[in-house]
Amino acid sequence: MKAALIVPVRAAILDAHRPALDPSHALGLPPHVTVLFPFGAPSEIGADGLAHLARVIEGVPAFGAEFASVDWFGRDVAWLRPVDDTGFRELTAAVHAAFPRFRPYGGAHDEVIPHLTIGTAPPAALGQLREAAANVRQALPIRTSVDAVDYGVLTGDAHSWTVRHRLPLGSPDVGGGP
């Protein structure tokens, strides 16, 4: 069992392409921006860890996000870039600081880039992925409010993603205002 922290993003244009393009769709994950994966399973972090996680996430103010451009990781991953990724970066940094043994993507990347995946090749053919990216580009921007993080688990089996807890972010004025 693996656990993850994600921000789901409702986007009908992505739902139209994900079954053929995004392997996370088969696991039951919605379109999302990853906050931290892999993360500790509920049995690993326990009730105290969950309470601490909830406080950490609540310490980050809710924010709006807009995805307005298509980008690529190499030639095989098409994704949407947030116009301002500060809120996503703050979420990841806060959770990682509180739970340092869980490194983003297991430490596989030098820089964690907040993104909303359109699809990957494979499973999609490169031409199919390019066509989907062009189609999604025409539907931009995608706007969403980020006011919670889903803490869920998956086994790797089809449709195994299960949200265990929806953890709210703080009010937009957390962190002090005038």
C-alpha atoms as a PDB file:
ATOM      1  CA  MET A   1       0.000   0.000   0.000  1.00  0.00           C
ATOM      2  CA  LYS A   2       1.254   3.469  -0.923  1.00  0.00           C
ATOM      3  CA  ALA A   3      -0.096   6.800   0.210  1.00  0.00           C
ATOM      4  CA  ALA A   4      -0.146  10.185  -1.483  1.00  0.00           C
ATOM      5  CA  LEU A   5      -1.194  13.745  -0.838  1.00  0.00           C
ATOM      6  CA  ILE A   6      -2.864  15.374  -3.832  1.00  0.00           C
ATOM      7  CA  VAL A   7      -4.916  18.386  -4.827  1.00  0.00           C
ATOM      8  CA  PRO A   8      -7.678  17.141  -7.130  1.00  0.00           C
ATOM      9  CA  VAL A   9      -8.498  19.447 -10.040  1.00  0.00           C
ATOM     10  CA  ARG A  10     -11.854  19.119 -11.770  1.00  0.00           C
ATOM     11  CA  ALA A  11     -11.365  19.551 -15.505  1.00  0.00           C
ATOM     12  CA  ALA A  12     -13.717  17.925 -18.004  1.00  0.00           C
ATOM     13  CA  ILE A  13     -11.228  18.410 -20.836  1.00  0.00           C
ATOM     14  CA  LEU A  14      -8.698  16.248 -18.981  1.00  0.00           C
ATOM     15  CA  ASP A  15     -11.317  13.622 -18.142  1.00  0.00           C
ATOM     16  CA  ALA A  16     -11.915  13.208 -21.877  1.00  0.00           C
ATOM     17  CA  HIS A  17      -8.277  12.185 -22.485  1.00  0.00           C
ATOM     18  CA  ARG A  18      -7.149  10.493 -19.265  1.00  0.00           C
ATOM     19  CA  PRO A  19      -8.421   6.927 -19.842  1.00  0.00           C
ATOM     20  CA  ALA A  20      -6.048   6.511 -22.789  1.00  0.00           C
ATOM     21  CA  LEU A  21      -3.235   8.828 -21.712  1.00  0.00           C
ATOM     22  CA  ASP A  22      -2.719   8.866 -17.950  1.00  0.00           C
ATOM     23  CA  PRO A  23      -1.821   5.666 -16.072  1.00  0.00           C
ATOM     24  CA  SER A  24      -3.021   7.193 -12.796  1.00  0.00           C
ATOM     25  CA  HIS A  25      -6.564   7.182 -14.209  1.00  0.00           C
ATOM     26  CA  ALA A  26      -6.612   3.365 -14.151  1.00  0.00           C
ATOM     27  CA  LEU A  27      -5.690   3.492 -10.461  1.00  0.00           C
ATOM     28  CA  GLY A  28      -8.710   5.688  -9.788  1.00  0.00           C
ATOM     29  CA  LEU A  29      -6.886   8.966  -9.219  1.00  0.00           C
ATOM     30  CA  PRO A  30      -8.627  12.112 -10.444  1.00  0.00           C
ATOM     31  CA  PRO A  31      -6.732  14.814 -12.347  1.00  0.00           C
ATOM     32  CA  HIS A  32      -4.494  16.274  -9.669  1.00  0.00           C
ATOM     33  CA  VAL A  33      -1.407  18.152  -8.600  1.00  0.00           C
ATOM     34  CA  THR A  34       0.779  16.005  -6.372  1.00  0.00           C
ATOM     35  CA  VAL A  35       1.689  17.537  -3.024  1.00  0.00           C
ATOM     36  CA  LEU A  36       3.792  14.603  -1.821  1.00  0.00           C
ATOM     37  CA  PHE A  37       4.252  11.063  -3.091  1.00  0.00           C
ATOM     38  CA  PRO A  38       5.131   8.639  -1.718  1.00  0.00           C
ATOM     39  CA  PHE A  39       3.824   9.468   1.714  1.00  0.00           C
ATOM     40  CA  GLY A  40       3.359   7.347   4.821  1.00  0.00           C
ATOM     41  CA  ALA A  41       0.417   4.981   4.913  1.00  0.00           C
ATOM     42  CA  PRO A  42      -2.047   5.512   7.762  1.00  0.00           C
ATOM     43  CA  SER A  43      -0.481   2.662   9.752  1.00  0.00           C
ATOM     44  CA  GLU A  44       2.948   4.326   9.384  1.00  0.00           C
ATOM     45  CA  ILE A  45       2.020   7.809  10.549  1.00  0.00           C
ATOM     46  CA  GLY A  46      -0.687   6.885  13.071  1.00  0.00           C
ATOM     47  CA  ALA A  47      -3.316   9.158  14.583  1.00  0.00           C
ATOM     48  CA  ASP A  48      -0.733  11.585  15.976  1.00  0.00           C
ATOM     49  CA  GLY A  49       0.932  11.887  12.569  1.00  0.00           C
ATOM     50  CA  LEU A  50      -2.425  12.485  10.898  1.00  0.00           C
ATOM     51  CA  ALA A  51      -3.262  15.219  13.407  1.00  0.00           C
ATOM     52  CA  HIS A  52       0.159  16.801  12.808  1.00  0.00           C
ATOM     53  CA  LEU A  53      -0.350  16.574   9.025  1.00  0.00           C
ATOM     54  CA  ALA A  54      -3.743  18.269   9.347  1.00  0.00           C
ATOM     55  CA  ARG A  55      -2.183  21.141  11.335  1.00  0.00           C
ATOM     56  CA  VAL A  56       0.630  21.531   8.791  1.00  0.00           C
ATOM     57  CA  ILE A  57      -1.786  21.696   5.862  1.00  0.00           C
ATOM     58  CA  GLU A  58      -4.080  24.055   7.736  1.00  0.00           C
ATOM     59  CA  GLY A  59      -1.054  26.348   8.168  1.00  0.00           C
ATOM     60  CA  VAL A  60      -0.984  26.961   4.413  1.00  0.00           C
ATOM     61  CA  PRO A  61      -3.587  29.473   3.232  1.00  0.00           C
ATOM     62  CA  ALA A  62      -6.143  28.406   0.630  1.00  0.00           C
ATOM     63  CA  PHE A  63      -5.414  29.822  -2.808  1.00  0.00           C
ATOM     64  CA  GLY A  64      -6.664  29.966  -6.345  1.00  0.00           C
ATOM     65  CA  ALA A  65      -4.852  28.239  -9.198  1.00  0.00           C
ATOM     66  CA  GLU A  66      -4.958  28.812 -12.911  1.00  0.00           C
ATOM     67  CA  PHE A  67      -3.462  26.488 -15.501  1.00  0.00           C
ATOM     68  CA  ALA A  68      -2.919  28.411 -18.709  1.00  0.00           C
ATOM     69  CA  SER A  69      -0.163  26.673 -20.666  1.00  0.00           C
ATOM     70  CA  VAL A  70       0.878  23.217 -21.820  1.00  0.00           C
ATOM     71  CA  ASP A  71       4.435  22.113 -21.131  1.00  0.00           C
ATOM     72  CA  TRP A  72       6.432  18.905 -21.533  1.00  0.00           C
ATOM     73  CA  PHE A  73       8.799  16.821 -19.451  1.00  0.00           C
ATOM     74  CA  GLY A  74      11.019  15.573 -22.240  1.00  0.00           C
ATOM     75  CA  ARG A  75       8.983  14.146 -25.105  1.00  0.00           C
ATOM     76  CA  ASP A  76       6.855  11.779 -23.107  1.00  0.00           C
ATOM     77  CA  VAL A  77       4.865  13.716 -20.480  1.00  0.00           C
ATOM     78  CA  ALA A  78       2.471  16.533 -21.400  1.00  0.00           C
ATOM     79  CA  TRP A  79       1.296  18.656 -18.515  1.00  0.00           C
ATOM     80  CA  LEU A  80      -0.321  21.919 -17.520  1.00  0.00           C
ATOM     81  CA  ARG A  81       1.721  24.579 -15.782  1.00  0.00           C
ATOM     82  CA  PRO A  82       0.105  26.718 -13.093  1.00  0.00           C
ATOM     83  CA  VAL A  83       0.450  30.441 -13.764  1.00  0.00           C
ATOM     84  CA  ASP A  84       1.646  30.839 -10.164  1.00  0.00           C
ATOM     85  CA  ASP A  85       2.864  27.660  -8.475  1.00  0.00           C
ATOM     86  CA  THR A  86       3.699  29.305  -5.131  1.00  0.00           C
ATOM     87  CA  GLY A  87       0.793  27.763  -3.196  1.00  0.00           C
ATOM     88  CA  PHE A  88       1.591  24.260  -4.437  1.00  0.00           C
ATOM     89  CA  ARG A  89       5.273  24.703  -3.611  1.00  0.00           C
ATOM     90  CA  GLU A  90       4.380  25.970  -0.122  1.00  0.00           C
ATOM     91  CA  LEU A  91       2.208  22.906   0.484  1.00  0.00           C
ATOM     92  CA  THR A  92       4.937  20.487  -0.581  1.00  0.00           C
ATOM     93  CA  ALA A  93       7.628  22.333   1.375  1.00  0.00           C
ATOM     94  CA  ALA A  94       5.517  22.485   4.540  1.00  0.00           C
ATOM     95  CA  VAL A  95       4.600  18.799   4.466  1.00  0.00           C
ATOM     96  CA  HIS A  96       8.145  17.705   3.607  1.00  0.00           C
ATOM     97  CA  ALA A  97       9.580  19.880   6.398  1.00  0.00           C
ATOM     98  CA  ALA A  98       7.170  18.287   8.883  1.00  0.00           C
ATOM     99  CA  PHE A  99       7.762  14.747   7.552  1.00  0.00           C
ATOM    100  CA  PRO A 100      11.328  14.824   6.177  1.00  0.00           C
ATOM    101  CA  ARG A 101      11.599  11.068   5.714  1.00  0.00           C
ATOM    102  CA  PHE A 102       9.016  11.299   2.899  1.00  0.00           C
ATOM    103  CA  ARG A 103      10.826  13.003   0.040  1.00  0.00           C
ATOM    104  CA  PRO A 104       8.861  14.239  -2.971  1.00  0.00           C
ATOM    105  CA  TYR A 105       8.862  11.522  -5.633  1.00  0.00           C
ATOM    106  CA  GLY A 106      11.215   9.548  -3.399  1.00  0.00           C
ATOM    107  CA  GLY A 107      13.990  12.046  -4.168  1.00  0.00           C
ATOM    108  CA  ALA A 108      14.014  11.117  -7.867  1.00  0.00           C
ATOM    109  CA  HIS A 109      13.989  14.749  -9.046  1.00  0.00           C
ATOM    110  CA  ASP A 110      16.267  17.632  -8.094  1.00  0.00           C
ATOM    111  CA  GLU A 111      13.399  20.092  -8.433  1.00  0.00           C
ATOM    112  CA  VAL A 112       9.747  19.383  -7.772  1.00  0.00           C
ATOM    113  CA  ILE A 113       7.634  21.140 -10.393  1.00  0.00           C
ATOM    114  CA  PRO A 114       3.942  21.463  -9.554  1.00  0.00           C
ATOM    115  CA  HIS A 115       1.988  20.232 -12.555  1.00  0.00           C
ATOM    116  CA  LEU A 116      -1.292  18.786 -13.769  1.00  0.00           C
ATOM    117  CA  THR A 117      -0.618  15.814 -16.031  1.00  0.00           C
ATOM    118  CA  ILE A 118      -2.392  15.523 -19.375  1.00  0.00           C
ATOM    119  CA  GLY A 119      -0.803  12.177 -20.229  1.00  0.00           C
ATOM    120  CA  THR A 120       2.306  10.141 -20.829  1.00  0.00           C
ATOM    121  CA  ALA A 121       3.835   8.120 -23.633  1.00  0.00           C
ATOM    122  CA  PRO A 122       3.512   5.241 -23.016  1.00  0.00           C
ATOM    123  CA  PRO A 123       0.685   4.312 -22.587  1.00  0.00           C
ATOM    124  CA  ALA A 124      -0.209   6.817 -25.286  1.00  0.00           C
ATOM    125  CA  ALA A 125       1.567   7.036 -28.599  1.00  0.00           C
ATOM    126  CA  LEU A 126       3.481  10.290 -28.972  1.00  0.00           C
ATOM    127  CA  GLY A 127       1.174  11.503 -31.758  1.00  0.00           C
ATOM    128  CA  GLN A 128      -1.881  10.791 -29.628  1.00  0.00           C
ATOM    129  CA  LEU A 129      -0.327  12.702 -26.733  1.00  0.00           C
ATOM    130  CA  ARG A 130       0.506  15.701 -28.949  1.00  0.00           C
ATOM    131  CA  GLU A 131      -3.057  15.739 -30.280  1.00  0.00           C
ATOM    132  CA  ALA A 132      -4.477  15.667 -26.752  1.00  0.00           C
ATOM    133  CA  ALA A 133      -2.129  18.464 -25.654  1.00  0.00           C
ATOM    134  CA  ALA A 134      -3.301  20.623 -28.579  1.00  0.00           C
ATOM    135  CA  ASN A 135      -6.931  19.870 -27.720  1.00  0.00           C
ATOM    136  CA  VAL A 136      -6.429  20.739 -24.052  1.00  0.00           C
ATOM    137  CA  ARG A 137      -4.555  23.934 -25.001  1.00  0.00           C
ATOM    138  CA  GLN A 138      -7.696  25.185 -26.771  1.00  0.00           C
ATOM    139  CA  ALA A 139      -9.733  24.762 -23.572  1.00  0.00           C
ATOM    140  CA  LEU A 140      -7.376  26.751 -21.344  1.00  0.00           C
ATOM    141  CA  PRO A 141      -7.339  28.322 -18.879  1.00  0.00           C
ATOM    142  CA  ILE A 142      -8.476  25.911 -16.189  1.00  0.00           C
ATOM    143  CA  ARG A 143      -9.176  27.637 -12.881  1.00  0.00           C
ATOM    144  CA  THR A 144      -9.713  26.058  -9.497  1.00  0.00           C
ATOM    145  CA  SER A 145      -9.822  26.911  -5.813  1.00  0.00           C
ATOM    146  CA  VAL A 146      -7.360  24.994  -3.690  1.00  0.00           C
ATOM    147  CA  ASP A 147      -8.867  24.668  -0.237  1.00  0.00           C
ATOM    148  CA  ALA A 148      -8.048  21.063   0.724  1.00  0.00           C
ATOM    149  CA  VAL A 149      -5.582  18.228   0.180  1.00  0.00           C
ATOM    150  CA  ASP A 150      -6.694  14.633  -0.261  1.00  0.00           C
ATOM    151  CA  TYR A 151      -4.719  12.061   1.737  1.00  0.00           C
ATOM    152  CA  GLY A 152      -5.311   8.724   0.109  1.00  0.00           C
ATOM    153  CA  VAL A 153      -3.934   5.255  -0.435  1.00  0.00           C
ATOM    154  CA  LEU A 154      -3.585   2.906  -3.365  1.00  0.00           C
ATOM    155  CA  THR A 155      -2.494  -0.673  -3.761  1.00  0.00           C
ATOM    156  CA  GLY A 156      -1.504  -0.535  -7.414  1.00  0.00           C
ATOM    157  CA  ASP A 157      -4.612  -2.454  -8.419  1.00  0.00           C
ATOM    158  CA  ALA A 158      -7.100  -0.907 -10.827  1.00  0.00           C
ATOM    159  CA  HIS A 159      -9.308   1.720  -9.190  1.00  0.00           C
ATOM    160  CA  SER A 160      -7.649   1.232  -5.806  1.00  0.00           C
ATOM    161  CA  TRP A 161      -7.267   4.946  -4.968  1.00  0.00           C
ATOM    162  CA  THR A 162      -9.176   5.634  -1.777  1.00  0.00           C
ATOM    163  CA  VAL A 163      -9.304   9.035  -0.123  1.00  0.00           C
ATOM    164  CA  ARG A 164      -8.863   8.485   3.602  1.00  0.00           C
ATOM    165  CA  HIS A 165      -8.971  12.125   4.677  1.00  0.00           C
ATOM    166  CA  ARG A 166      -9.719  15.478   3.080  1.00  0.00           C
ATOM    167  CA  LEU A 167      -7.524  17.971   4.933  1.00  0.00           C
ATOM    168  CA  PRO A 168      -8.505  21.651   4.689  1.00  0.00           C
ATOM    169  CA  LEU A 169      -6.033  24.435   4.068  1.00  0.00           C
ATOM    170  CA  GLY A 170      -6.211  27.531   6.240  1.00  0.00           C
ATOM    171  CA  SER A 171      -8.280  30.563   5.501  1.00  0.00           C
ATOM    172  CA  PRO A 172      -6.720  32.776   2.841  1.00  0.00           C
ATOM    173  CA  ASP A 173      -5.641  35.259   5.501  1.00  0.00           C
ATOM    174  CA  VAL A 174      -3.617  32.706   7.551  1.00  0.00           C
ATOM    175  CA  GLY A 175      -0.105  33.921   8.071  1.00  0.00           C
ATOM    176  CA  GLY A 176      -1.083  37.383   9.102  1.00  0.00           C
ATOM    177  CA  GLY A 177      -2.666  40.203   7.307  1.00  0.00           C
ATOM    178  CA  PRO A 178      -3.023  43.923   7.829  1.00  0.00           C
END
